[in-house]
Amino acid sequence: MSDKPILPKVSEGIEGSIKAEYLGNEEKYVSELIEKVKKENPIIIKFLGDCLSGISKDNEEAKKAIIYSGLFVYKLLESQAQANKLEEDILGKD
C-alpha cells in the first residue's frame, strides 16, 4: 500500500486565488460553482442537500455554512489537482 495520498495537499497559493475570485462576486461565484458541481459530480450536491435536511428552515446561516464549506473544499481540491497536473506536464514529472 502506497503512502502517497489520493487527494492533493492544498497549497496556500491555491487558497488565495480562490478567495480572490470569490470575494469579487460572492453570489455569482457560488451559483456558478453549484452548477459546475451539479454537472460534474451531482452526488456531492445531493450529499450537501441531505446534510441540510436536519437543519431548521429558518437557520439560513447554518445552511449557508454547510453549502459553502462543501463547495469550497471541492473547489480547493479541484484547483490543486489542476495545478499539480499542470506542473507535471511542464516539468515532465510522473
PDB file of N, CA and C in Angstrom:
ATOM      1  N   MET A   1       0.841  -1.184   0.000  1.00  0.00           N
ATOM      2  CA  MET A   1       0.000   0.000   0.000  1.00  0.00           C
ATOM      3  C   MET A   1       0.882   1.242   0.000  1.00  0.00           C
ATOM      4  N   SER A   2       0.581   2.185  -0.870  1.00  0.00           N
ATOM      5  CA  SER A   2       1.379   3.399  -1.018  1.00  0.00           C
ATOM      6  C   SER A   2       1.046   4.433   0.053  1.00  0.00           C
ATOM      7  N   ASP A   3       2.063   5.182   0.472  1.00  0.00           N
ATOM      8  CA  ASP A   3       1.853   6.265   1.429  1.00  0.00           C
ATOM      9  C   ASP A   3       1.433   7.556   0.739  1.00  0.00           C
ATOM     10  N   LYS A   4       1.455   7.580  -0.579  1.00  0.00           N
ATOM     11  CA  LYS A   4       1.076   8.770  -1.330  1.00  0.00           C
ATOM     12  C   LYS A   4      -0.432   8.992  -1.194  1.00  0.00           C
ATOM     13  N   PRO A   5      -0.835  10.185  -0.741  1.00  0.00           N
ATOM     14  CA  PRO A   5      -2.269  10.448  -0.577  1.00  0.00           C
ATOM     15  C   PRO A   5      -2.993  10.488  -1.923  1.00  0.00           C
ATOM     16  N   ILE A   6      -4.245  10.120  -1.908  1.00  0.00           N
ATOM     17  CA  ILE A   6      -5.052  10.139  -3.121  1.00  0.00           C
ATOM     18  C   ILE A   6      -5.424  11.577  -3.477  1.00  0.00           C
ATOM     19  N   LEU A   7      -5.828  12.339  -2.472  1.00  0.00           N
ATOM     20  CA  LEU A   7      -6.214  13.731  -2.701  1.00  0.00           C
ATOM     21  C   LEU A   7      -4.986  14.636  -2.570  1.00  0.00           C
ATOM     22  N   PRO A   8      -4.959  15.704  -3.349  1.00  0.00           N
ATOM     23  CA  PRO A   8      -3.798  16.596  -3.269  1.00  0.00           C
ATOM     24  C   PRO A   8      -3.789  17.405  -1.978  1.00  0.00           C
ATOM     25  N   LYS A   9      -2.590  17.744  -1.545  1.00  0.00           N
ATOM     26  CA  LYS A   9      -2.441  18.657  -0.408  1.00  0.00           C
ATOM     27  C   LYS A   9      -2.539  20.073  -0.969  1.00  0.00           C
ATOM     28  N   VAL A  10      -3.476  20.852  -0.454  1.00  0.00           N
ATOM     29  CA  VAL A  10      -3.750  22.179  -0.988  1.00  0.00           C
ATOM     30  C   VAL A  10      -2.706  23.181  -0.482  1.00  0.00           C
ATOM     31  N   SER A  11      -2.145  23.932  -1.412  1.00  0.00           N
ATOM     32  CA  SER A  11      -1.148  24.945  -1.063  1.00  0.00           C
ATOM     33  C   SER A  11      -1.816  26.289  -0.792  1.00  0.00           C
ATOM     34  N   GLU A  12      -1.091  27.160  -0.096  1.00  0.00           N
ATOM     35  CA  GLU A  12      -1.618  28.487   0.226  1.00  0.00           C
ATOM     36  C   GLU A  12      -1.935  29.296  -1.032  1.00  0.00           C
ATOM     37  N   GLY A  13      -1.173  29.117  -2.059  1.00  0.00           N
ATOM     38  CA  GLY A  13      -1.416  29.853  -3.295  1.00  0.00           C
ATOM     39  C   GLY A  13      -2.777  29.534  -3.890  1.00  0.00           C
ATOM     40  N   ILE A  14      -3.176  28.290  -3.801  1.00  0.00           N
ATOM     41  CA  ILE A  14      -4.487  27.880  -4.312  1.00  0.00           C
ATOM     42  C   ILE A  14      -5.582  28.537  -3.487  1.00  0.00           C
ATOM     43  N   GLU A  15      -5.430  28.480  -2.193  1.00  0.00           N
ATOM     44  CA  GLU A  15      -6.426  29.084  -1.301  1.00  0.00           C
ATOM     45  C   GLU A  15      -6.580  30.572  -1.595  1.00  0.00           C
ATOM     46  N   GLY A  16      -5.473  31.247  -1.765  1.00  0.00           N
ATOM     47  CA  GLY A  16      -5.514  32.682  -2.018  1.00  0.00           C
ATOM     48  C   GLY A  16      -6.207  33.042  -3.316  1.00  0.00           C
ATOM     49  N   SER A  17      -5.956  32.272  -4.362  1.00  0.00           N
ATOM     50  CA  SER A  17      -6.585  32.576  -5.647  1.00  0.00           C
ATOM     51  C   SER A  17      -8.093  32.350  -5.602  1.00  0.00           C
ATOM     52  N   ILE A  18      -8.528  31.330  -4.890  1.00  0.00           N
ATOM     53  CA  ILE A  18      -9.962  31.072  -4.769  1.00  0.00           C
ATOM     54  C   ILE A  18     -10.632  32.176  -3.952  1.00  0.00           C
ATOM     55  N   LYS A  19      -9.993  32.598  -2.879  1.00  0.00           N
ATOM     56  CA  LYS A  19     -10.540  33.703  -2.081  1.00  0.00           C
ATOM     57  C   LYS A  19     -10.688  34.953  -2.932  1.00  0.00           C
ATOM     58  N   ALA A  20      -9.691  35.247  -3.740  1.00  0.00           N
ATOM     59  CA  ALA A  20      -9.738  36.443  -4.586  1.00  0.00           C
ATOM     60  C   ALA A  20     -10.895  36.371  -5.576  1.00  0.00           C
ATOM     61  N   GLU A  21     -11.098  35.221  -6.197  1.00  0.00           N
ATOM     62  CA  GLU A  21     -12.211  35.043  -7.129  1.00  0.00           C
ATOM     63  C   GLU A  21     -13.542  35.204  -6.417  1.00  0.00           C
ATOM     64  N   TYR A  22     -13.656  34.559  -5.289  1.00  0.00           N
ATOM     65  CA  TYR A  22     -14.893  34.555  -4.510  1.00  0.00           C
ATOM     66  C   TYR A  22     -15.252  35.949  -4.019  1.00  0.00           C
ATOM     67  N   LEU A  23     -14.278  36.677  -3.509  1.00  0.00           N
ATOM     68  CA  LEU A  23     -14.544  37.995  -2.938  1.00  0.00           C
ATOM     69  C   LEU A  23     -14.941  39.014  -4.004  1.00  0.00           C
ATOM     70  N   GLY A  24     -14.648  38.727  -5.243  1.00  0.00           N
ATOM     71  CA  GLY A  24     -15.033  39.621  -6.326  1.00  0.00           C
ATOM     72  C   GLY A  24     -16.530  39.669  -6.558  1.00  0.00           C
ATOM     73  N   ASN A  25     -17.210  38.537  -6.357  1.00  0.00           N
ATOM     74  CA  ASN A  25     -18.656  38.475  -6.590  1.00  0.00           C
ATOM     75  C   ASN A  25     -19.194  37.183  -5.968  1.00  0.00           C
ATOM     76  N   GLU A  26     -19.456  37.226  -4.685  1.00  0.00           N
ATOM     77  CA  GLU A  26     -19.830  36.041  -3.910  1.00  0.00           C
ATOM     78  C   GLU A  26     -21.006  35.268  -4.503  1.00  0.00           C
ATOM     79  N   GLU A  27     -22.118  35.928  -4.741  1.00  0.00           N
ATOM     80  CA  GLU A  27     -23.317  35.219  -5.198  1.00  0.00           C
ATOM     81  C   GLU A  27     -23.117  34.554  -6.552  1.00  0.00           C
ATOM     82  N   LYS A  28     -22.523  35.263  -7.494  1.00  0.00           N
ATOM     83  CA  LYS A  28     -22.284  34.702  -8.825  1.00  0.00           C
ATOM     84  C   LYS A  28     -21.307  33.537  -8.746  1.00  0.00           C
ATOM     85  N   TYR A  29     -20.233  33.704  -7.973  1.00  0.00           N
ATOM     86  CA  TYR A  29     -19.219  32.662  -7.848  1.00  0.00           C
ATOM     87  C   TYR A  29     -19.832  31.375  -7.296  1.00  0.00           C
ATOM     88  N   VAL A  30     -20.595  31.510  -6.222  1.00  0.00           N
ATOM     89  CA  VAL A  30     -21.196  30.328  -5.588  1.00  0.00           C
ATOM     90  C   VAL A  30     -22.235  29.702  -6.504  1.00  0.00           C
ATOM     91  N   SER A  31     -23.050  30.513  -7.143  1.00  0.00           N
ATOM     92  CA  SER A  31     -24.064  29.996  -8.064  1.00  0.00           C
ATOM     93  C   SER A  31     -23.423  29.205  -9.203  1.00  0.00           C
ATOM     94  N   GLU A  32     -22.370  29.760  -9.793  1.00  0.00           N
ATOM     95  CA  GLU A  32     -21.675  29.071 -10.881  1.00  0.00           C
ATOM     96  C   GLU A  32     -20.993  27.797 -10.387  1.00  0.00           C
ATOM     97  N   LEU A  33     -20.471  27.845  -9.168  1.00  0.00           N
ATOM     98  CA  LEU A  33     -19.819  26.661  -8.609  1.00  0.00           C
ATOM     99  C   LEU A  33     -20.843  25.556  -8.347  1.00  0.00           C
ATOM    100  N   ILE A  34     -22.007  25.921  -7.861  1.00  0.00           N
ATOM    101  CA  ILE A  34     -23.071  24.929  -7.652  1.00  0.00           C
ATOM    102  C   ILE A  34     -23.425  24.267  -8.978  1.00  0.00           C
ATOM    103  N   GLU A  35     -23.614  25.054 -10.014  1.00  0.00           N
ATOM    104  CA  GLU A  35     -23.968  24.496 -11.322  1.00  0.00           C
ATOM    105  C   GLU A  35     -22.863  23.590 -11.861  1.00  0.00           C
ATOM    106  N   LYS A  36     -21.615  23.986 -11.681  1.00  0.00           N
ATOM    107  CA  LYS A  36     -20.472  23.183 -12.136  1.00  0.00           C
ATOM    108  C   LYS A  36     -20.443  21.836 -11.420  1.00  0.00           C
ATOM    109  N   VAL A  37     -20.600  21.866 -10.091  1.00  0.00           N
ATOM    110  CA  VAL A  37     -20.553  20.620  -9.320  1.00  0.00           C
ATOM    111  C   VAL A  37     -21.772  19.756  -9.639  1.00  0.00           C
ATOM    112  N   LYS A  38     -22.933  20.361  -9.813  1.00  0.00           N
ATOM    113  CA  LYS A  38     -24.137  19.601 -10.209  1.00  0.00           C
ATOM    114  C   LYS A  38     -23.875  18.827 -11.494  1.00  0.00           C
ATOM    115  N   LYS A  39     -23.226  19.478 -12.445  1.00  0.00           N
ATOM    116  CA  LYS A  39     -22.957  18.867 -13.749  1.00  0.00           C
ATOM    117  C   LYS A  39     -21.871  17.798 -13.657  1.00  0.00           C
ATOM    118  N   GLU A  40     -20.771  18.126 -12.972  1.00  0.00           N
ATOM    119  CA  GLU A  40     -19.611  17.245 -12.942  1.00  0.00           C
ATOM    120  C   GLU A  40     -19.686  16.146 -11.889  1.00  0.00           C
ATOM    121  N   ASN A  41     -20.343  16.419 -10.776  1.00  0.00           N
ATOM    122  CA  ASN A  41     -20.311  15.493  -9.648  1.00  0.00           C
ATOM    123  C   ASN A  41     -21.585  15.642  -8.809  1.00  0.00           C
ATOM    124  N   PRO A  42     -22.740  15.293  -9.374  1.00  0.00           N
ATOM    125  CA  PRO A  42     -24.023  15.558  -8.721  1.00  0.00           C
ATOM    126  C   PRO A  42     -24.200  14.902  -7.349  1.00  0.00           C
ATOM    127  N   ILE A  43     -23.494  13.838  -7.080  1.00  0.00           N
ATOM    128  CA  ILE A  43     -23.616  13.190  -5.768  1.00  0.00           C
ATOM    129  C   ILE A  43     -23.173  14.136  -4.655  1.00  0.00           C
ATOM    130  N   ILE A  44     -22.216  14.992  -4.930  1.00  0.00           N
ATOM    131  CA  ILE A  44     -21.773  15.945  -3.909  1.00  0.00           C
ATOM    132  C   ILE A  44     -22.888  16.915  -3.567  1.00  0.00           C
ATOM    133  N   ILE A  45     -23.583  17.419  -4.576  1.00  0.00           N
ATOM    134  CA  ILE A  45     -24.709  18.329  -4.322  1.00  0.00           C
ATOM    135  C   ILE A  45     -25.809  17.598  -3.564  1.00  0.00           C
ATOM    136  N   LYS A  46     -26.077  16.359  -3.937  1.00  0.00           N
ATOM    137  CA  LYS A  46     -27.087  15.575  -3.223  1.00  0.00           C
ATOM    138  C   LYS A  46     -26.675  15.384  -1.762  1.00  0.00           C
ATOM    139  N   PHE A  47     -25.421  15.070  -1.539  1.00  0.00           N
ATOM    140  CA  PHE A  47     -24.919  14.877  -0.176  1.00  0.00           C
ATOM    141  C   PHE A  47     -25.085  16.154   0.647  1.00  0.00           C
ATOM    142  N   LEU A  48     -24.709  17.285   0.068  1.00  0.00           N
ATOM    143  CA  LEU A  48     -24.869  18.553   0.779  1.00  0.00           C
ATOM    144  C   LEU A  48     -26.336  18.833   1.082  1.00  0.00           C
ATOM    145  N   GLY A  49     -27.196  18.530   0.126  1.00  0.00           N
ATOM    146  CA  GLY A  49     -28.634  18.695   0.358  1.00  0.00           C
ATOM    147  C   GLY A  49     -29.122  17.812   1.486  1.00  0.00           C
ATOM    148  N   ASP A  50     -28.641  16.583   1.531  1.00  0.00           N
ATOM    149  CA  ASP A  50     -29.018  15.670   2.615  1.00  0.00           C
ATOM    150  C   ASP A  50     -28.544  16.201   3.965  1.00  0.00           C
ATOM    151  N   CYS A  51     -27.378  16.832   3.979  1.00  0.00           N
ATOM    152  CA  CYS A  51     -26.859  17.422   5.216  1.00  0.00           C
ATOM    153  C   CYS A  51     -27.763  18.547   5.714  1.00  0.00           C
ATOM    154  N   LEU A  52     -28.409  19.224   4.799  1.00  0.00           N
ATOM    155  CA  LEU A  52     -29.291  20.338   5.159  1.00  0.00           C
ATOM    156  C   LEU A  52     -30.632  19.878   5.705  1.00  0.00           C
ATOM    157  N   SER A  53     -30.987  18.632   5.442  1.00  0.00           N
ATOM    158  CA  SER A  53     -32.328  18.159   5.802  1.00  0.00           C
ATOM    159  C   SER A  53     -32.614  18.223   7.300  1.00  0.00           C
ATOM    160  N   GLY A  54     -31.610  18.135   8.127  1.00  0.00           N
ATOM    161  CA  GLY A  54     -31.832  18.184   9.572  1.00  0.00           C
ATOM    162  C   GLY A  54     -31.762  19.581  10.169  1.00  0.00           C
ATOM    163  N   ILE A  55     -31.555  20.578   9.342  1.00  0.00           N
ATOM    164  CA  ILE A  55     -31.417  21.956   9.834  1.00  0.00           C
ATOM    165  C   ILE A  55     -32.753  22.672   9.672  1.00  0.00           C
ATOM    166  N   SER A  56     -33.148  23.416  10.682  1.00  0.00           N
ATOM    167  CA  SER A  56     -34.440  24.110  10.610  1.00  0.00           C
ATOM    168  C   SER A  56     -34.439  25.114   9.459  1.00  0.00           C
ATOM    169  N   LYS A  57     -35.615  25.317   8.890  1.00  0.00           N
ATOM    170  CA  LYS A  57     -35.753  26.185   7.713  1.00  0.00           C
ATOM    171  C   LYS A  57     -35.318  27.618   7.973  1.00  0.00           C
ATOM    172  N   ASP A  58     -35.440  28.070   9.202  1.00  0.00           N
ATOM    173  CA  ASP A  58     -35.107  29.464   9.498  1.00  0.00           C
ATOM    174  C   ASP A  58     -33.630  29.674   9.849  1.00  0.00           C
ATOM    175  N   ASN A  59     -32.842  28.626   9.840  1.00  0.00           N
ATOM    176  CA  ASN A  59     -31.420  28.756  10.176  1.00  0.00           C
ATOM    177  C   ASN A  59     -30.592  28.878   8.891  1.00  0.00           C
ATOM    178  N   GLU A  60     -30.755  30.001   8.230  1.00  0.00           N
ATOM    179  CA  GLU A  60     -30.088  30.224   6.948  1.00  0.00           C
ATOM    180  C   GLU A  60     -28.565  30.265   7.069  1.00  0.00           C
ATOM    181  N   GLU A  61     -28.050  30.780   8.173  1.00  0.00           N
ATOM    182  CA  GLU A  61     -26.601  30.849   8.346  1.00  0.00           C
ATOM    183  C   GLU A  61     -25.969  29.457   8.396  1.00  0.00           C
ATOM    184  N   ALA A  62     -26.615  28.530   9.086  1.00  0.00           N
ATOM    185  CA  ALA A  62     -26.098  27.162   9.164  1.00  0.00           C
ATOM    186  C   ALA A  62     -26.155  26.495   7.794  1.00  0.00           C
ATOM    187  N   LYS A  63     -27.244  26.716   7.075  1.00  0.00           N
ATOM    188  CA  LYS A  63     -27.368  26.135   5.738  1.00  0.00           C
ATOM    189  C   LYS A  63     -26.288  26.680   4.809  1.00  0.00           C
ATOM    190  N   LYS A  64     -26.075  27.982   4.868  1.00  0.00           N
ATOM    191  CA  LYS A  64     -25.060  28.610   4.026  1.00  0.00           C
ATOM    192  C   LYS A  64     -23.672  28.072   4.379  1.00  0.00           C
ATOM    193  N   ALA A  65     -23.401  27.912   5.660  1.00  0.00           N
ATOM    194  CA  ALA A  65     -22.095  27.409   6.087  1.00  0.00           C
ATOM    195  C   ALA A  65     -21.849  26.000   5.562  1.00  0.00           C
ATOM    196  N   ILE A  66     -22.860  25.144   5.603  1.00  0.00           N
ATOM    197  CA  ILE A  66     -22.714  23.769   5.108  1.00  0.00           C
ATOM    198  C   ILE A  66     -22.459  23.764   3.604  1.00  0.00           C
ATOM    199  N   ILE A  67     -23.285  24.479   2.857  1.00  0.00           N
ATOM    200  CA  ILE A  67     -23.141  24.508   1.401  1.00  0.00           C
ATOM    201  C   ILE A  67     -21.788  25.100   1.002  1.00  0.00           C
ATOM    202  N   TYR A  68     -21.453  26.237   1.570  1.00  0.00           N
ATOM    203  CA  TYR A  68     -20.200  26.894   1.213  1.00  0.00           C
ATOM    204  C   TYR A  68     -19.004  26.021   1.577  1.00  0.00           C
ATOM    205  N   SER A  69     -19.025  25.422   2.735  1.00  0.00           N
ATOM    206  CA  SER A  69     -17.904  24.572   3.153  1.00  0.00           C
ATOM    207  C   SER A  69     -17.691  23.434   2.165  1.00  0.00           C
ATOM    208  N   GLY A  70     -18.758  22.743   1.825  1.00  0.00           N
ATOM    209  CA  GLY A  70     -18.642  21.632   0.886  1.00  0.00           C
ATOM    210  C   GLY A  70     -18.151  22.075  -0.476  1.00  0.00           C
ATOM    211  N   LEU A  71     -18.720  23.165  -0.980  1.00  0.00           N
ATOM    212  CA  LEU A  71     -18.330  23.659  -2.296  1.00  0.00           C
ATOM    213  C   LEU A  71     -16.883  24.129  -2.325  1.00  0.00           C
ATOM    214  N   PHE A  72     -16.461  24.825  -1.270  1.00  0.00           N
ATOM    215  CA  PHE A  72     -15.102  25.346  -1.271  1.00  0.00           C
ATOM    216  C   PHE A  72     -14.062  24.252  -1.081  1.00  0.00           C
ATOM    217  N   VAL A  73     -14.360  23.233  -0.319  1.00  0.00           N
ATOM    218  CA  VAL A  73     -13.426  22.113  -0.213  1.00  0.00           C
ATOM    219  C   VAL A  73     -13.292  21.438  -1.577  1.00  0.00           C
ATOM    220  N   TYR A  74     -14.413  21.238  -2.252  1.00  0.00           N
ATOM    221  CA  TYR A  74     -14.386  20.672  -3.602  1.00  0.00           C
ATOM    222  C   TYR A  74     -13.511  21.528  -4.518  1.00  0.00           C
ATOM    223  N   LYS A  75     -13.735  22.842  -4.497  1.00  0.00           N
ATOM    224  CA  LYS A  75     -13.001  23.755  -5.367  1.00  0.00           C
ATOM    225  C   LYS A  75     -11.508  23.781  -5.026  1.00  0.00           C
ATOM    226  N   LEU A  76     -11.185  23.771  -3.749  1.00  0.00           N
ATOM    227  CA  LEU A  76      -9.775  23.736  -3.342  1.00  0.00           C
ATOM    228  C   LEU A  76      -9.073  22.496  -3.884  1.00  0.00           C
ATOM    229  N   LEU A  77      -9.691  21.342  -3.714  1.00  0.00           N
ATOM    230  CA  LEU A  77      -9.088  20.094  -4.178  1.00  0.00           C
ATOM    231  C   LEU A  77      -8.992  20.053  -5.701  1.00  0.00           C
ATOM    232  N   GLU A  78     -10.045  20.508  -6.363  1.00  0.00           N
ATOM    233  CA  GLU A  78     -10.036  20.534  -7.823  1.00  0.00           C
ATOM    234  C   GLU A  78      -8.934  21.459  -8.348  1.00  0.00           C
ATOM    235  N   SER A  79      -8.849  22.647  -7.792  1.00  0.00           N
ATOM    236  CA  SER A  79      -7.849  23.612  -8.246  1.00  0.00           C
ATOM    237  C   SER A  79      -6.432  23.119  -7.993  1.00  0.00           C
ATOM    238  N   GLN A  80      -6.209  22.491  -6.846  1.00  0.00           N
ATOM    239  CA  GLN A  80      -4.877  21.964  -6.553  1.00  0.00           C
ATOM    240  C   GLN A  80      -4.538  20.820  -7.498  1.00  0.00           C
ATOM    241  N   ALA A  81      -5.505  19.959  -7.783  1.00  0.00           N
ATOM    242  CA  ALA A  81      -5.266  18.857  -8.717  1.00  0.00           C
ATOM    243  C   ALA A  81      -4.908  19.403 -10.101  1.00  0.00           C
ATOM    244  N   GLN A  82      -5.591  20.466 -10.530  1.00  0.00           N
ATOM    245  CA  GLN A  82      -5.279  21.085 -11.817  1.00  0.00           C
ATOM    246  C   GLN A  82      -3.872  21.679 -11.810  1.00  0.00           C
ATOM    247  N   ALA A  83      -3.517  22.347 -10.726  1.00  0.00           N
ATOM    248  CA  ALA A  83      -2.172  22.930 -10.620  1.00  0.00           C
ATOM    249  C   ALA A  83      -1.109  21.837 -10.627  1.00  0.00           C
ATOM    250  N   ASN A  84      -1.369  20.757  -9.921  1.00  0.00           N
ATOM    251  CA  ASN A  84      -0.422  19.643  -9.893  1.00  0.00           C
ATOM    252  C   ASN A  84      -0.255  19.030 -11.281  1.00  0.00           C
ATOM    253  N   LYS A  85      -1.344  18.882 -11.999  1.00  0.00           N
ATOM    254  CA  LYS A  85      -1.303  18.311 -13.347  1.00  0.00           C
ATOM    255  C   LYS A  85      -0.505  19.219 -14.281  1.00  0.00           C
ATOM    256  N   LEU A  86      -0.739  20.513 -14.170  1.00  0.00           N
ATOM    257  CA  LEU A  86      -0.008  21.471 -14.995  1.00  0.00           C
ATOM    258  C   LEU A  86       1.492  21.401 -14.699  1.00  0.00           C
ATOM    259  N   GLU A  87       1.817  21.329 -13.415  1.00  0.00           N
ATOM    260  CA  GLU A  87       3.233  21.219 -13.025  1.00  0.00           C
ATOM    261  C   GLU A  87       3.850  19.944 -13.590  1.00  0.00           C
ATOM    262  N   GLU A  88       3.123  18.843 -13.518  1.00  0.00           N
ATOM    263  CA  GLU A  88       3.631  17.583 -14.061  1.00  0.00           C
ATOM    264  C   GLU A  88       3.838  17.682 -15.569  1.00  0.00           C
ATOM    265  N   ASP A  89       2.889  18.318 -16.255  1.00  0.00           N
ATOM    266  CA  ASP A  89       3.003  18.471 -17.710  1.00  0.00           C
ATOM    267  C   ASP A  89       4.204  19.330 -18.081  1.00  0.00           C
ATOM    268  N   ILE A  90       4.410  20.404 -17.327  1.00  0.00           N
ATOM    269  CA  ILE A  90       5.515  21.323 -17.629  1.00  0.00           C
ATOM    270  C   ILE A  90       6.869  20.687 -17.300  1.00  0.00           C
ATOM    271  N   LEU A  91       6.946  20.064 -16.144  1.00  0.00           N
ATOM    272  CA  LEU A  91       8.228  19.513 -15.687  1.00  0.00           C
ATOM    273  C   LEU A  91       8.458  18.076 -16.149  1.00  0.00           C
ATOM    274  N   GLY A  92       7.435  17.461 -16.711  1.00  0.00           N
ATOM    275  CA  GLY A  92       7.570  16.090 -17.165  1.00  0.00           C
ATOM    276  C   GLY A  92       7.663  15.087 -16.046  1.00  0.00           C
ATOM    277  N   LYS A  93       7.080  15.425 -14.889  1.00  0.00           N
ATOM    278  CA  LYS A  93       7.094  14.500 -13.751  1.00  0.00           C
ATOM    279  C   LYS A  93       6.071  13.400 -13.958  1.00  0.00           C
ATOM    280  N   ASP A  94       6.309  12.285 -13.263  1.00  0.00           N
ATOM    281  CA  ASP A  94       5.323  11.189 -13.251  1.00  0.00           C
ATOM    282  C   ASP A  94       4.770  11.013 -11.880  1.00  0.00           C
TER     283      ASP A  94
END
